[in-house]
């Protein structure tokens, strides 16, 4: 019959393995480490590290304050409003919001150029364009929906 082979694995020195990995890290992850150092320096220059240090040091105070506020009716309403706002923003088309931001910017610039308020006739002429009627239609639908929700 065959004799069993005796095998004893060599002992693993975990400290030596860590040292080996640390020595190899600059070669394997050099670019990432440089980016990390730049990010760390920028965070330090901007005071973000000091802010984080203060937040970590005051974590108990911050948590207690948030918990006290969250128990109030206003805090509960704020959280519910935040969730409803997130739901509303998720339903909006990003292109429509982008177009709206450009329109608001253009309208603000045009409004600032006006030296005197427009006359009623000028307002009437402005409101009879197809785009104005489309906007007025949307606003009246929005007002109707708001009225329904207030019942």
C-alpha atoms as a PDB file:
ATOM      1  CA  UNK A   1       0.000   0.000   0.000  1.00  0.00           C
ATOM      2  CA  UNK A   2       1.108   3.564  -0.679  1.00  0.00           C
ATOM      3  CA  UNK A   3       2.398   5.766   2.072  1.00  0.00           C
ATOM      4  CA  UNK A   4       0.496   9.017   2.590  1.00  0.00           C
ATOM      5  CA  UNK A   5       2.310  12.179   1.636  1.00  0.00           C
ATOM      6  CA  UNK A   6       2.785  14.598   4.430  1.00  0.00           C
ATOM      7  CA  UNK A   7       2.119  18.157   3.387  1.00  0.00           C
ATOM      8  CA  UNK A   8       2.470  21.062   5.685  1.00  0.00           C
ATOM      9  CA  UNK A   9       1.611  24.409   4.103  1.00  0.00           C
ATOM     10  CA  UNK A  10       4.153  27.095   4.767  1.00  0.00           C
ATOM     11  CA  UNK A  11       3.061  29.496   7.473  1.00  0.00           C
ATOM     12  CA  UNK A  12       1.553  32.709   6.131  1.00  0.00           C
ATOM     13  CA  UNK A  13       2.822  35.890   7.651  1.00  0.00           C
ATOM     14  CA  UNK A  14      -0.014  38.347   7.199  1.00  0.00           C
ATOM     15  CA  UNK A  15       2.149  41.331   8.059  1.00  0.00           C
ATOM     16  CA  UNK A  16       4.629  40.459   5.306  1.00  0.00           C
ATOM     17  CA  UNK A  17       1.758  40.059   2.829  1.00  0.00           C
ATOM     18  CA  UNK A  18       0.435  43.504   3.757  1.00  0.00           C
ATOM     19  CA  UNK A  19       3.897  45.036   3.384  1.00  0.00           C
ATOM     20  CA  UNK A  20       4.274  43.393  -0.035  1.00  0.00           C
ATOM     21  CA  UNK A  21       0.894  44.729  -1.172  1.00  0.00           C
ATOM     22  CA  UNK A  22       1.716  48.226   0.126  1.00  0.00           C
ATOM     23  CA  UNK A  23       5.034  48.221  -1.707  1.00  0.00           C
ATOM     24  CA  UNK A  24       3.322  47.153  -4.940  1.00  0.00           C
ATOM     25  CA  UNK A  25       0.459  49.676  -4.608  1.00  0.00           C
ATOM     26  CA  UNK A  26       2.264  52.693  -6.133  1.00  0.00           C
ATOM     27  CA  UNK A  27       3.093  50.664  -9.232  1.00  0.00           C
ATOM     28  CA  UNK A  28      -0.317  49.025  -9.586  1.00  0.00           C
ATOM     29  CA  UNK A  29      -2.426  52.044  -8.622  1.00  0.00           C
ATOM     30  CA  UNK A  30      -0.109  54.975  -9.274  1.00  0.00           C
ATOM     31  CA  UNK A  31      -2.483  57.120 -11.326  1.00  0.00           C
ATOM     32  CA  UNK A  32      -5.390  56.557  -8.946  1.00  0.00           C
ATOM     33  CA  UNK A  33      -3.200  57.463  -5.973  1.00  0.00           C
ATOM     34  CA  UNK A  34      -2.105  60.708  -7.623  1.00  0.00           C
ATOM     35  CA  UNK A  35      -5.729  61.644  -8.308  1.00  0.00           C
ATOM     36  CA  UNK A  36      -6.599  60.800  -4.705  1.00  0.00           C
ATOM     37  CA  UNK A  37      -3.800  63.009  -3.384  1.00  0.00           C
ATOM     38  CA  UNK A  38      -4.995  65.892  -5.601  1.00  0.00           C
ATOM     39  CA  UNK A  39      -8.557  65.409  -4.376  1.00  0.00           C
ATOM     40  CA  UNK A  40      -7.387  65.320  -0.765  1.00  0.00           C
ATOM     41  CA  UNK A  41      -5.372  68.516  -1.219  1.00  0.00           C
ATOM     42  CA  UNK A  42      -8.317  70.302  -2.867  1.00  0.00           C
ATOM     43  CA  UNK A  43     -10.623  69.193  -0.038  1.00  0.00           C
ATOM     44  CA  UNK A  44      -8.105  70.530   2.461  1.00  0.00           C
ATOM     45  CA  UNK A  45      -7.679  73.847   0.617  1.00  0.00           C
ATOM     46  CA  UNK A  46     -11.450  74.376   0.439  1.00  0.00           C
ATOM     47  CA  UNK A  47     -11.982  73.546   4.122  1.00  0.00           C
ATOM     48  CA  UNK A  48     -14.036  70.446   3.355  1.00  0.00           C
ATOM     49  CA  UNK A  49     -11.837  68.272   5.561  1.00  0.00           C
ATOM     50  CA  UNK A  50     -12.352  70.665   8.475  1.00  0.00           C
ATOM     51  CA  UNK A  51     -16.101  70.558   7.869  1.00  0.00           C
ATOM     52  CA  UNK A  52     -16.115  66.757   7.788  1.00  0.00           C
ATOM     53  CA  UNK A  53     -13.987  66.620  10.928  1.00  0.00           C
ATOM     54  CA  UNK A  54     -16.451  68.896  12.699  1.00  0.00           C
ATOM     55  CA  UNK A  55     -19.404  66.835  11.518  1.00  0.00           C
ATOM     56  CA  UNK A  56     -17.816  63.593  12.705  1.00  0.00           C
ATOM     57  CA  UNK A  57     -16.919  65.166  16.047  1.00  0.00           C
ATOM     58  CA  UNK A  58     -20.464  66.503  16.500  1.00  0.00           C
ATOM     59  CA  UNK A  59     -22.288  63.460  15.135  1.00  0.00           C
ATOM     60  CA  UNK A  60     -24.241  62.908  18.344  1.00  0.00           C
ATOM     61  CA  UNK A  61     -25.364  66.528  18.534  1.00  0.00           C
ATOM     62  CA  UNK A  62     -26.361  66.541  14.856  1.00  0.00           C
ATOM     63  CA  UNK A  63     -28.269  63.266  15.161  1.00  0.00           C
ATOM     64  CA  UNK A  64     -30.125  64.450  18.270  1.00  0.00           C
ATOM     65  CA  UNK A  65     -31.074  67.730  16.608  1.00  0.00           C
ATOM     66  CA  UNK A  66     -32.309  65.989  13.462  1.00  0.00           C
ATOM     67  CA  UNK A  67     -34.288  63.498  15.537  1.00  0.00           C
ATOM     68  CA  UNK A  68     -35.922  66.288  17.567  1.00  0.00           C
ATOM     69  CA  UNK A  69     -36.905  68.148  14.396  1.00  0.00           C
ATOM     70  CA  UNK A  70     -38.107  64.997  12.630  1.00  0.00           C
ATOM     71  CA  UNK A  71     -40.588  64.303  15.457  1.00  0.00           C
ATOM     72  CA  UNK A  72     -42.338  67.659  15.027  1.00  0.00           C
ATOM     73  CA  UNK A  73     -45.344  68.035  12.700  1.00  0.00           C
ATOM     74  CA  UNK A  74     -43.312  70.490  10.595  1.00  0.00           C
ATOM     75  CA  UNK A  75     -40.498  67.955  10.228  1.00  0.00           C
ATOM     76  CA  UNK A  76     -42.896  65.225   9.157  1.00  0.00           C
ATOM     77  CA  UNK A  77     -44.509  67.607   6.663  1.00  0.00           C
ATOM     78  CA  UNK A  78     -41.075  68.617   5.339  1.00  0.00           C
ATOM     79  CA  UNK A  79     -40.101  64.996   4.689  1.00  0.00           C
ATOM     80  CA  UNK A  80     -43.433  64.304   2.989  1.00  0.00           C
ATOM     81  CA  UNK A  81     -43.073  67.449   0.870  1.00  0.00           C
ATOM     82  CA  UNK A  82     -39.538  66.449  -0.082  1.00  0.00           C
ATOM     83  CA  UNK A  83     -40.717  63.013  -1.204  1.00  0.00           C
ATOM     84  CA  UNK A  84     -43.604  64.527  -3.186  1.00  0.00           C
ATOM     85  CA  UNK A  85     -41.199  67.010  -4.821  1.00  0.00           C
ATOM     86  CA  UNK A  86     -38.834  64.209  -5.830  1.00  0.00           C
ATOM     87  CA  UNK A  87     -41.769  62.305  -7.337  1.00  0.00           C
ATOM     88  CA  UNK A  88     -42.879  65.429  -9.222  1.00  0.00           C
ATOM     89  CA  UNK A  89     -39.388  66.129 -10.555  1.00  0.00           C
ATOM     90  CA  UNK A  90     -39.074  62.514 -11.669  1.00  0.00           C
ATOM     91  CA  UNK A  91     -42.197  62.858 -13.801  1.00  0.00           C
ATOM     92  CA  UNK A  92     -41.043  66.000 -15.639  1.00  0.00           C
ATOM     93  CA  UNK A  93     -39.431  65.739 -19.045  1.00  0.00           C
ATOM     94  CA  UNK A  94     -35.827  67.050 -18.830  1.00  0.00           C
ATOM     95  CA  UNK A  95     -36.070  68.668 -22.257  1.00  0.00           C
ATOM     96  CA  UNK A  96     -39.130  70.640 -21.203  1.00  0.00           C
ATOM     97  CA  UNK A  97     -37.286  71.883 -18.112  1.00  0.00           C
ATOM     98  CA  UNK A  98     -34.258  72.780 -20.222  1.00  0.00           C
ATOM     99  CA  UNK A  99     -36.435  74.745 -22.659  1.00  0.00           C
ATOM    100  CA  UNK A 100     -38.234  76.402 -19.744  1.00  0.00           C
ATOM    101  CA  UNK A 101     -34.940  77.527 -18.207  1.00  0.00           C
ATOM    102  CA  UNK A 102     -33.890  79.104 -21.517  1.00  0.00           C
ATOM    103  CA  UNK A 103     -37.277  80.804 -21.908  1.00  0.00           C
ATOM    104  CA  UNK A 104     -37.091  82.155 -18.349  1.00  0.00           C
ATOM    105  CA  UNK A 105     -33.619  83.517 -19.017  1.00  0.00           C
ATOM    106  CA  UNK A 106     -34.727  85.198 -22.263  1.00  0.00           C
ATOM    107  CA  UNK A 107     -37.903  86.607 -20.682  1.00  0.00           C
ATOM    108  CA  UNK A 108     -35.932  87.960 -17.723  1.00  0.00           C
ATOM    109  CA  UNK A 109     -33.461  89.693 -20.028  1.00  0.00           C
ATOM    110  CA  UNK A 110     -36.284  91.150 -22.140  1.00  0.00           C
ATOM    111  CA  UNK A 111     -38.154  92.294 -19.025  1.00  0.00           C
ATOM    112  CA  UNK A 112     -35.040  94.065 -17.735  1.00  0.00           C
ATOM    113  CA  UNK A 113     -34.687  95.923 -21.055  1.00  0.00           C
ATOM    114  CA  UNK A 114     -38.208  97.335 -20.732  1.00  0.00           C
ATOM    115  CA  UNK A 115     -38.004 100.845 -19.308  1.00  0.00           C
ATOM    116  CA  UNK A 116     -41.757 101.252 -18.790  1.00  0.00           C
ATOM    117  CA  UNK A 117     -44.429  98.651 -18.183  1.00  0.00           C
ATOM    118  CA  UNK A 118     -46.188  97.604 -21.412  1.00  0.00           C
ATOM    119  CA  UNK A 119     -49.556  99.113 -22.151  1.00  0.00           C
ATOM    120  CA  UNK A 120     -52.725  97.046 -21.965  1.00  0.00           C
ATOM    121  CA  UNK A 121     -52.825  97.018 -25.758  1.00  0.00           C
ATOM    122  CA  UNK A 122     -49.255  95.684 -25.945  1.00  0.00           C
ATOM    123  CA  UNK A 123     -50.125  93.003 -23.381  1.00  0.00           C
ATOM    124  CA  UNK A 124     -53.217  92.064 -25.378  1.00  0.00           C
ATOM    125  CA  UNK A 125     -51.205  91.801 -28.616  1.00  0.00           C
ATOM    126  CA  UNK A 126     -48.591  89.709 -26.857  1.00  0.00           C
ATOM    127  CA  UNK A 127     -51.268  87.381 -25.443  1.00  0.00           C
ATOM    128  CA  UNK A 128     -52.894  86.697 -28.844  1.00  0.00           C
ATOM    129  CA  UNK A 129     -49.927  84.835 -30.322  1.00  0.00           C
ATOM    130  CA  UNK A 130     -50.209  81.053 -30.664  1.00  0.00           C
ATOM    131  CA  UNK A 131     -47.379  80.514 -28.168  1.00  0.00           C
ATOM    132  CA  UNK A 132     -49.018  82.781 -25.591  1.00  0.00           C
ATOM    133  CA  UNK A 133     -52.367  81.054 -26.010  1.00  0.00           C
ATOM    134  CA  UNK A 134     -50.636  77.692 -25.581  1.00  0.00           C
ATOM    135  CA  UNK A 135     -49.000  78.935 -22.367  1.00  0.00           C
ATOM    136  CA  UNK A 136     -52.262  80.438 -21.114  1.00  0.00           C
ATOM    137  CA  UNK A 137     -54.023  77.143 -21.809  1.00  0.00           C
ATOM    138  CA  UNK A 138     -51.417  75.297 -19.741  1.00  0.00           C
ATOM    139  CA  UNK A 139     -51.697  77.824 -16.909  1.00  0.00           C
ATOM    140  CA  UNK A 140     -55.511  77.594 -16.828  1.00  0.00           C
ATOM    141  CA  UNK A 141     -55.266  73.774 -16.721  1.00  0.00           C
ATOM    142  CA  UNK A 142     -52.775  74.102 -13.882  1.00  0.00           C
ATOM    143  CA  UNK A 143     -55.066  76.520 -12.024  1.00  0.00           C
ATOM    144  CA  UNK A 144     -58.047  74.192 -12.506  1.00  0.00           C
ATOM    145  CA  UNK A 145     -56.073  71.289 -11.097  1.00  0.00           C
ATOM    146  CA  UNK A 146     -54.934  73.435  -8.177  1.00  0.00           C
ATOM    147  CA  UNK A 147     -58.537  74.408  -7.488  1.00  0.00           C
ATOM    148  CA  UNK A 148     -59.633  70.758  -7.528  1.00  0.00           C
ATOM    149  CA  UNK A 149     -56.872  69.823  -5.073  1.00  0.00           C
ATOM    150  CA  UNK A 150     -57.954  72.596  -2.677  1.00  0.00           C
ATOM    151  CA  UNK A 151     -61.511  71.217  -2.273  1.00  0.00           C
END
